[in-house]
């Protein structure tokens, strides 16, 4: 039996103290007018998950239990929140009334920015991007069930005749590199990348399997996939007003990180473990797509190959369970840079400063999504940097087409 439980928490009642004082010409000490909250600090936790009866006992007996879970940790803090002292320049001791002066002991920037609330936060990764990555990871995990990703000997054998052509007229091809360097280098690099290199990898793979033929043989198999993206942003010249006394200029630094992990658990019941030798039935069934011209280019931009593998049955595998974990950590730091008074106020002393930090760490665990065809995320980039290997391959293919 399963039951759902929820846990929650609240921000702590810790504040950045804020106070102001006023005096006239005859007063020798400050008069406290009051204290106001600068910002809320502390941690707010929430979690909802499913509790499984006899969990430890059932796990010890080999049962796979992956319960849904949703957890959020929201942390807010402020630091170095100094104060300042301002004076009303239109009132002097020779005139009637008060010499208006206000002294902020601390926390003037947090008060101006959030007025007793929690620190602000900005999200850089959109919900659509989260769903896209979740779909890519889920489909890739299903695709690799019953398929050893280190080698596909069916494809190697099918293209062996083409690979053997690499050794023909080697001298003439080397001469062409001197005569027509751009097009010839492109040809030779493509031959190496998609012909010779896979063949050498398969030879090394078979040697490893021969040395340790039972290295991967086990009854329970875990298939894992992961994808991570990160975005960073900085903003300067932002402003917020402190009553009618002046304006803060501040900047923000935001980091948004997403990690999506997929796992599938199966019991292998299909006899000889031929998939660890690169001869899985799934690889044979999906071989036509691998042999289709420029299929790898299509896979650069959409997960067509993964989808075809995902919907192909994993023969000899008894599915036991799956999980998709979406973890996201977002943090924004807001820092005061300067304070400019508004007329008729002037700054007497102090250098108002301070920073506010807000971090939200969320984690959601569900079952794997159903396989689907979606566009690859930033297909020509690795993180924030250009994927030079993939870009070079596309350039070389264009050179070949233009030459023909």
Protein backbone atom coordinates (compact mmCIF):
# COMPACT_ATOMS: atom_id res chain seq x y z
CA UNK A 1 0.00 0.00 0.00
CA UNK A 2 1.20 3.51 -0.79
CA UNK A 3 0.25 6.82 0.78
CA UNK A 4 1.17 10.41 -0.05
CA UNK A 5 2.79 12.63 2.56
CA UNK A 6 3.61 16.33 2.54
CA UNK A 7 6.11 18.39 4.50
CA UNK A 8 6.42 22.15 4.66
CA UNK A 9 8.28 24.98 6.34
CA UNK A 10 8.48 28.74 6.50
CA UNK A 11 11.11 31.44 6.30
CA UNK A 12 12.71 32.21 9.62
CA UNK A 13 11.69 35.44 11.36
CA UNK A 14 15.19 36.89 10.96
CA UNK A 15 15.27 40.37 9.39
CA UNK A 16 17.80 42.99 8.37
CA UNK A 17 17.14 45.72 10.98
CA UNK A 18 16.19 49.14 9.66
CA UNK A 19 15.66 52.26 11.74
CA UNK A 20 15.48 56.01 11.33
CA UNK A 21 16.03 58.86 13.76
CA UNK A 22 15.20 62.55 13.71
CA UNK A 23 16.40 65.55 15.71
CA UNK A 24 16.15 69.34 15.87
CA UNK A 25 18.90 71.82 16.67
CA UNK A 26 18.39 71.64 20.40
CA UNK A 27 18.53 67.85 20.63
CA UNK A 28 21.83 66.19 21.52
CA UNK A 29 20.79 62.59 20.82
CA UNK A 30 18.90 60.69 18.19
CA UNK A 31 15.27 59.72 18.70
CA UNK A 32 14.34 56.24 17.48
CA UNK A 33 11.28 56.37 15.25
CA UNK A 34 10.98 52.61 14.71
CA UNK A 35 12.38 49.45 13.16
CA UNK A 36 11.29 47.98 9.84
CA UNK A 37 12.13 44.67 8.21
CA UNK A 38 14.76 44.85 5.48
CA UNK A 39 14.19 41.39 4.02
CA UNK A 40 13.18 37.93 5.11
CA UNK A 41 15.89 35.35 5.49
CA UNK A 42 15.97 31.65 6.12
CA UNK A 43 14.85 28.52 4.32
CA UNK A 44 11.42 27.42 3.16
CA UNK A 45 11.12 23.69 2.49
CA UNK A 46 8.30 21.74 0.90
CA UNK A 47 8.15 18.09 -0.14
CA UNK A 48 5.49 15.73 -1.37
CA UNK A 49 6.31 12.07 -1.92
CA UNK A 50 4.78 8.63 -1.84
CA UNK A 51 5.49 6.32 1.09
CA UNK A 52 5.64 2.59 0.31
CA UNK A 53 4.84 0.05 3.01
CA UNK A 54 7.65 -2.36 3.95
CA UNK A 55 10.02 -0.42 1.69
CA UNK A 56 13.27 -1.75 3.19
CA UNK A 57 12.10 -5.35 3.25
CA UNK A 58 10.82 -5.27 -0.33
CA UNK A 59 14.00 -3.63 -1.61
CA UNK A 60 16.12 -6.28 0.13
CA UNK A 61 14.11 -8.91 -1.74
CA UNK A 62 15.08 -7.36 -5.07
CA UNK A 63 11.92 -5.36 -5.80
CA UNK A 64 12.43 -2.11 -7.71
CA UNK A 65 10.57 0.79 -6.09
CA UNK A 66 10.82 4.27 -7.59
CA UNK A 67 8.27 6.49 -5.88
CA UNK A 68 7.17 9.89 -7.25
CA UNK A 69 8.58 12.85 -5.35
CA UNK A 70 8.46 16.65 -5.52
CA UNK A 71 10.83 18.66 -3.29
CA UNK A 72 11.71 22.37 -3.13
CA UNK A 73 14.25 24.19 -0.95
CA UNK A 74 13.93 27.99 -1.12
CA UNK A 75 16.69 29.97 0.64
CA UNK A 76 16.83 33.76 1.07
CA UNK A 77 19.58 35.79 2.76
CA UNK A 78 21.06 39.29 2.94
CA UNK A 79 24.57 40.35 3.93
CA UNK A 80 26.65 43.48 4.53
CA UNK A 81 23.50 45.59 4.63
CA UNK A 82 24.98 48.87 5.87
CA UNK A 83 23.14 52.13 6.49
CA UNK A 84 23.66 55.86 5.92
CA UNK A 85 22.85 59.33 7.23
CA UNK A 86 21.03 62.00 5.19
CA UNK A 87 20.04 65.62 5.84
CA UNK A 88 17.29 67.88 4.51
CA UNK A 89 19.29 70.70 2.96
CA UNK A 90 16.40 73.25 3.00
CA UNK A 91 16.16 73.31 6.80
CA UNK A 92 18.89 74.86 9.00
CA UNK A 93 19.31 75.66 12.67
CA UNK A 94 18.68 79.37 12.05
CA UNK A 95 15.17 78.67 10.80
CA UNK A 96 12.12 77.65 12.76
CA UNK A 97 11.40 73.95 13.12
CA UNK A 98 13.42 70.81 12.79
CA UNK A 99 16.77 70.25 11.27
CA UNK A 100 15.64 67.12 9.50
CA UNK A 101 18.18 64.30 9.56
CA UNK A 102 17.58 60.59 9.17
CA UNK A 103 20.00 57.87 10.10
CA UNK A 104 19.55 54.35 8.81
CA UNK A 105 21.45 52.02 11.13
CA UNK A 106 21.51 49.17 8.57
CA UNK A 107 19.50 47.40 5.92
CA UNK A 108 18.46 50.37 3.80
CA UNK A 109 19.13 48.60 0.47
CA UNK A 110 17.17 45.40 1.33
CA UNK A 111 14.27 47.56 2.54
CA UNK A 112 14.31 49.61 -0.67
CA UNK A 113 14.46 46.53 -2.89
CA UNK A 114 11.96 44.16 -1.27
CA UNK A 115 10.32 46.14 1.59
CA UNK A 116 10.34 43.27 4.06
CA UNK A 117 9.84 40.51 1.49
CA UNK A 118 12.14 37.78 0.19
CA UNK A 119 15.02 38.40 -2.20
CA UNK A 120 14.10 38.48 -5.92
CA UNK A 121 15.00 35.65 -8.29
CA UNK A 122 15.05 35.31 -12.09
CA UNK A 123 14.58 32.15 -14.17
CA UNK A 124 16.61 31.81 -17.37
CA UNK A 125 15.60 28.28 -18.48
CA UNK A 126 12.03 28.21 -19.75
CA UNK A 127 9.42 25.56 -18.93
CA UNK A 128 9.43 24.60 -22.62
CA UNK A 129 13.17 23.88 -22.44
CA UNK A 130 12.69 21.75 -19.33
CA UNK A 131 10.04 19.69 -21.13
CA UNK A 132 12.29 19.40 -24.21
CA UNK A 133 15.25 18.06 -22.20
CA UNK A 134 12.96 15.70 -20.25
CA UNK A 135 11.61 14.28 -23.54
CA UNK A 136 15.12 13.87 -25.01
CA UNK A 137 16.44 12.07 -21.93
CA UNK A 138 13.38 9.82 -21.63
CA UNK A 139 13.51 8.81 -25.29
CA UNK A 140 17.30 8.20 -25.15
CA UNK A 141 16.89 6.01 -22.06
CA UNK A 142 14.21 3.88 -23.74
CA UNK A 143 16.40 3.75 -26.88
CA UNK A 144 19.40 2.27 -25.05
CA UNK A 145 17.45 -0.52 -23.32
CA UNK A 146 18.70 -3.83 -24.71
CA UNK A 147 21.38 -2.12 -26.76
CA UNK A 148 25.07 -1.83 -25.96
CA UNK A 149 26.00 1.72 -26.97
CA UNK A 150 29.75 1.03 -27.20
CA UNK A 151 29.55 -0.80 -30.53
CA UNK A 152 27.19 -1.85 -33.32
CA UNK A 153 28.87 -4.69 -35.19
CA UNK A 154 25.90 -5.08 -37.54
CA UNK A 155 26.56 -1.60 -38.93
CA UNK A 156 30.30 -2.27 -39.13
CA UNK A 157 29.77 -5.48 -41.09
CA UNK A 158 27.22 -3.84 -43.40
CA UNK A 159 29.64 -1.05 -44.28
CA UNK A 160 32.77 -3.19 -44.39
CA UNK A 161 32.91 -3.10 -48.18
CA UNK A 162 32.83 0.70 -48.20
CA UNK A 163 35.44 0.81 -45.45
CA UNK A 164 37.78 -1.39 -47.47
CA UNK A 165 37.79 1.26 -50.23
CA UNK A 166 39.75 3.52 -47.88
CA UNK A 167 42.98 1.72 -48.76
CA UNK A 168 42.56 2.00 -52.53
CA UNK A 169 44.51 4.70 -54.38
CA UNK A 170 45.89 6.01 -51.08
CA UNK A 171 48.84 7.66 -52.79
CA UNK A 172 46.62 9.51 -55.28
CA UNK A 173 44.41 10.79 -52.52
CA UNK A 174 47.39 12.06 -50.59
CA UNK A 175 48.55 13.89 -53.72
CA UNK A 176 45.13 15.53 -54.02
CA UNK A 177 45.59 16.91 -50.53
CA UNK A 178 48.45 19.00 -51.92
CA UNK A 179 46.65 19.95 -55.13
CA UNK A 180 43.18 20.69 -53.67
CA UNK A 181 43.69 21.05 -49.93
CA UNK A 182 40.23 22.29 -48.88
CA UNK A 183 38.07 19.67 -50.59
CA UNK A 184 40.58 16.83 -50.20
CA UNK A 185 41.13 17.40 -46.48
CA UNK A 186 37.37 17.47 -46.02
CA UNK A 187 37.06 14.11 -47.83
CA UNK A 188 39.84 12.45 -45.90
CA UNK A 189 38.58 13.70 -42.53
CA UNK A 190 35.07 12.39 -43.22
CA UNK A 191 36.52 9.01 -44.30
CA UNK A 192 38.50 8.82 -41.08
CA UNK A 193 35.67 9.96 -38.81
CA UNK A 194 32.92 7.74 -40.24
CA UNK A 195 34.97 4.91 -41.74
CA UNK A 196 38.36 4.15 -40.24
CA UNK A 197 37.80 5.42 -36.69
CA UNK A 198 34.64 3.30 -36.03
CA UNK A 199 36.42 0.24 -37.45
CA UNK A 200 39.39 0.71 -35.11
CA UNK A 201 37.04 1.22 -32.16
CA UNK A 202 35.19 -2.01 -32.99
CA UNK A 203 38.46 -3.94 -33.21
CA UNK A 204 39.49 -2.63 -29.80
CA UNK A 205 36.01 -3.46 -28.48
CA UNK A 206 36.23 -7.08 -29.68
CA UNK A 207 39.69 -7.45 -28.16
CA UNK A 208 38.34 -6.22 -24.81
CA UNK A 209 35.41 -8.64 -24.99
CA UNK A 210 37.77 -11.52 -25.83
CA UNK A 211 39.96 -10.75 -22.83
CA UNK A 212 36.95 -10.37 -20.50
CA UNK A 213 34.03 -12.15 -22.20
CA UNK A 214 31.80 -12.13 -19.10
CA UNK A 215 32.65 -8.62 -17.94
CA UNK A 216 29.12 -7.27 -18.43
CA UNK A 217 27.15 -10.47 -17.86
CA UNK A 218 24.58 -9.95 -15.11
CA UNK A 219 20.88 -10.58 -14.65
CA UNK A 220 19.81 -7.05 -13.74
CA UNK A 221 20.65 -4.25 -16.13
CA UNK A 222 20.47 -0.50 -15.55
CA UNK A 223 20.18 1.88 -18.49
CA UNK A 224 21.05 5.49 -17.66
CA UNK A 225 20.99 8.76 -19.54
CA UNK A 226 21.71 12.34 -18.45
CA UNK A 227 21.66 15.82 -19.94
CA UNK A 228 22.68 19.09 -18.30
CA UNK A 229 22.26 22.71 -19.36
CA UNK A 230 23.30 25.92 -17.64
CA UNK A 231 22.52 29.57 -18.31
CA UNK A 232 24.11 32.63 -16.74
CA UNK A 233 23.06 36.25 -16.87
CA UNK A 234 24.17 39.56 -15.41
CA UNK A 235 22.34 42.87 -15.34
CA UNK A 236 23.68 46.29 -14.36
CA UNK A 237 22.20 49.75 -13.97
CA UNK A 238 19.04 48.54 -12.21
CA UNK A 239 17.40 50.99 -9.80
CA UNK A 240 15.08 50.99 -6.80
CA UNK A 241 13.83 53.95 -4.75
CA UNK A 242 14.21 54.46 -1.01
CA UNK A 243 11.07 56.41 -0.11
CA UNK A 244 11.59 59.97 -1.41
CA UNK A 245 15.17 60.12 -0.11
CA UNK A 246 17.04 58.76 -3.11
CA UNK A 247 17.67 55.87 -5.49
CA UNK A 248 19.86 52.79 -5.29
CA UNK A 249 21.65 51.51 -8.37
CA UNK A 250 22.28 47.77 -8.21
CA UNK A 251 23.30 44.78 -10.31
CA UNK A 252 22.25 41.13 -10.42
CA UNK A 253 24.02 37.85 -11.20
CA UNK A 254 21.85 34.84 -12.04
CA UNK A 255 22.79 31.19 -12.58
CA UNK A 256 20.17 28.66 -13.71
CA UNK A 257 21.21 24.99 -13.90
CA UNK A 258 19.12 22.03 -15.04
CA UNK A 259 20.11 18.37 -14.77
CA UNK A 260 17.76 15.67 -16.09
CA UNK A 261 18.54 12.00 -15.40
CA UNK A 262 16.74 8.94 -16.69
CA UNK A 263 17.09 5.33 -15.58
CA UNK A 264 15.45 2.09 -16.62
CA UNK A 265 15.82 -1.19 -14.74
CA UNK A 266 15.40 -4.56 -16.47
CA UNK A 267 15.95 -8.20 -15.70
CA UNK A 268 17.78 -9.94 -18.52
CA UNK A 269 16.04 -13.21 -19.36
CA UNK A 270 17.02 -13.73 -23.00
CA UNK A 271 19.79 -16.32 -22.84
CA UNK A 272 23.30 -15.37 -24.09
CA UNK A 273 24.18 -11.76 -23.42
CA UNK A 274 24.94 -10.95 -27.07
CA UNK A 275 24.08 -7.28 -26.71
CA UNK A 276 27.34 -6.73 -24.79
CA UNK A 277 29.11 -7.95 -27.94
CA UNK A 278 27.43 -5.27 -30.08
CA UNK A 279 25.02 -7.82 -31.58
CA UNK A 280 21.75 -6.98 -29.84
CA UNK A 281 18.49 -7.72 -31.72
CA UNK A 282 17.51 -4.06 -31.35
CA UNK A 283 20.64 -2.96 -33.22
CA UNK A 284 19.77 -5.36 -36.06
CA UNK A 285 16.15 -4.15 -36.28
CA UNK A 286 17.16 -0.48 -36.43
CA UNK A 287 20.07 -1.07 -38.81
CA UNK A 288 18.20 0.31 -41.89
CA UNK A 289 18.05 3.75 -40.30
CA UNK A 290 21.75 3.69 -39.45
CA UNK A 291 22.55 2.81 -43.08
CA UNK A 292 20.31 5.57 -44.49
CA UNK A 293 22.34 8.31 -46.13
CA UNK A 294 22.92 11.33 -43.86
CA UNK A 295 20.84 9.83 -41.07
CA UNK A 296 23.49 11.02 -38.64
CA UNK A 297 22.93 14.59 -39.86
CA UNK A 298 19.21 14.25 -39.15
CA UNK A 299 20.07 12.94 -35.68
CA UNK A 300 22.14 16.09 -35.08
CA UNK A 301 18.95 18.16 -35.18
CA UNK A 302 16.20 15.75 -34.04
CA UNK A 303 16.19 12.54 -32.01
CA UNK A 304 14.83 10.38 -34.86
CA UNK A 305 17.33 7.57 -34.31
CA UNK A 306 16.64 7.47 -30.57
CA UNK A 307 12.90 7.40 -31.20
CA UNK A 308 13.16 4.46 -33.61
CA UNK A 309 15.31 2.57 -31.10
CA UNK A 310 12.96 3.49 -28.25
CA UNK A 311 9.87 2.02 -29.92
CA UNK A 312 11.77 -1.14 -30.92
CA UNK A 313 11.21 -3.96 -28.38
CA UNK A 314 14.16 -4.85 -26.15
CA UNK A 315 14.10 -8.61 -26.76
CA UNK A 316 15.08 -10.64 -23.73
CA UNK A 317 14.55 -7.80 -21.26
CA UNK A 318 11.88 -7.89 -18.54
CA UNK A 319 11.04 -4.28 -17.58
CA UNK A 320 11.10 -3.66 -13.80
CA UNK A 321 10.79 0.10 -13.44
CA UNK A 322 11.98 3.54 -14.50
CA UNK A 323 12.53 7.02 -13.15
CA UNK A 324 13.02 10.49 -14.56
CA UNK A 325 14.61 13.01 -12.21
CA UNK A 326 14.46 16.71 -13.05
CA UNK A 327 16.67 18.79 -10.75
CA UNK A 328 16.95 22.52 -11.11
CA UNK A 329 19.00 25.02 -9.10
CA UNK A 330 18.46 28.75 -9.66
CA UNK A 331 20.31 31.50 -7.80
CA UNK A 332 20.17 35.30 -8.08
CA UNK A 333 22.45 37.72 -6.21
CA UNK A 334 21.40 41.39 -6.10
CA UNK A 335 24.16 43.80 -5.05
CA UNK A 336 23.95 47.52 -4.30
CA UNK A 337 26.45 49.61 -6.29
CA UNK A 338 25.64 53.21 -5.35
CA UNK A 339 23.08 55.49 -3.70
CA UNK A 340 22.14 58.91 -5.10
CA UNK A 341 20.07 61.24 -2.90
CA UNK A 342 17.09 63.11 -4.25
CA UNK A 343 16.75 66.85 -3.79
CA UNK A 344 16.50 68.38 -1.20
CA UNK A 345 18.29 65.55 0.64
CA UNK A 346 22.07 65.16 0.85
CA UNK A 347 24.29 62.35 2.10
CA UNK A 348 26.08 63.20 5.35
CA UNK A 349 27.80 59.93 6.16
CA UNK A 350 27.90 56.22 5.47
CA UNK A 351 28.19 54.25 2.24
CA UNK A 352 24.98 52.26 1.79
CA UNK A 353 25.68 48.77 0.49
CA UNK A 354 24.50 45.19 0.80
CA UNK A 355 23.51 42.14 -1.21
CA UNK A 356 20.53 39.80 -1.28
CA UNK A 357 20.74 36.17 -2.40
CA UNK A 358 17.88 33.87 -3.33
CA UNK A 359 18.41 30.20 -4.25
CA UNK A 360 15.68 27.75 -5.21
CA UNK A 361 16.63 24.07 -5.49
CA UNK A 362 13.84 21.86 -6.84
CA UNK A 363 13.77 18.14 -7.59
CA UNK A 364 10.95 16.19 -9.21
CA UNK A 365 10.98 12.42 -9.73
CA UNK A 366 8.44 10.67 -11.98
CA UNK A 367 8.39 7.73 -14.36
CA UNK A 368 10.07 8.08 -17.76
CA UNK A 369 8.03 9.93 -20.38
CA UNK A 370 6.74 8.05 -23.41
CA UNK A 371 9.14 8.13 -26.41
CA UNK A 372 8.67 11.12 -28.70
CA UNK A 373 10.39 12.94 -31.55
CA UNK A 374 11.67 16.37 -30.50
CA UNK A 375 14.33 18.76 -31.71
CA UNK A 376 17.77 18.44 -30.17
CA UNK A 377 18.72 21.19 -27.70
CA UNK A 378 21.33 23.54 -29.20
CA UNK A 379 22.60 20.89 -31.64
CA UNK A 380 25.71 22.84 -32.65
CA UNK A 381 26.82 23.71 -29.12
CA UNK A 382 28.30 22.01 -26.08
CA UNK A 383 27.03 24.13 -23.24
CA UNK A 384 27.89 27.73 -24.16
CA UNK A 385 30.67 26.76 -26.58
CA UNK A 386 30.47 25.79 -30.23
CA UNK A 387 30.69 22.05 -30.95
CA UNK A 388 33.62 22.36 -33.34
CA UNK A 389 33.63 18.66 -34.29
CA UNK A 390 30.00 18.70 -35.38
CA UNK A 391 30.30 22.09 -37.07
CA UNK A 392 33.39 20.89 -38.97
CA UNK A 393 31.53 17.77 -40.16
CA UNK A 394 28.66 19.85 -41.54
CA UNK A 395 31.12 22.22 -43.24
CA UNK A 396 32.96 19.31 -44.86
CA UNK A 397 29.69 17.84 -46.12
CA UNK A 398 28.79 21.21 -47.67
CA UNK A 399 32.20 21.32 -49.38
CA UNK A 400 31.57 17.87 -50.87
CA UNK A 401 28.12 18.85 -52.16
CA UNK A 402 29.28 22.14 -53.67
CA UNK A 403 32.18 20.42 -55.44
CA UNK A 404 29.85 17.91 -57.06
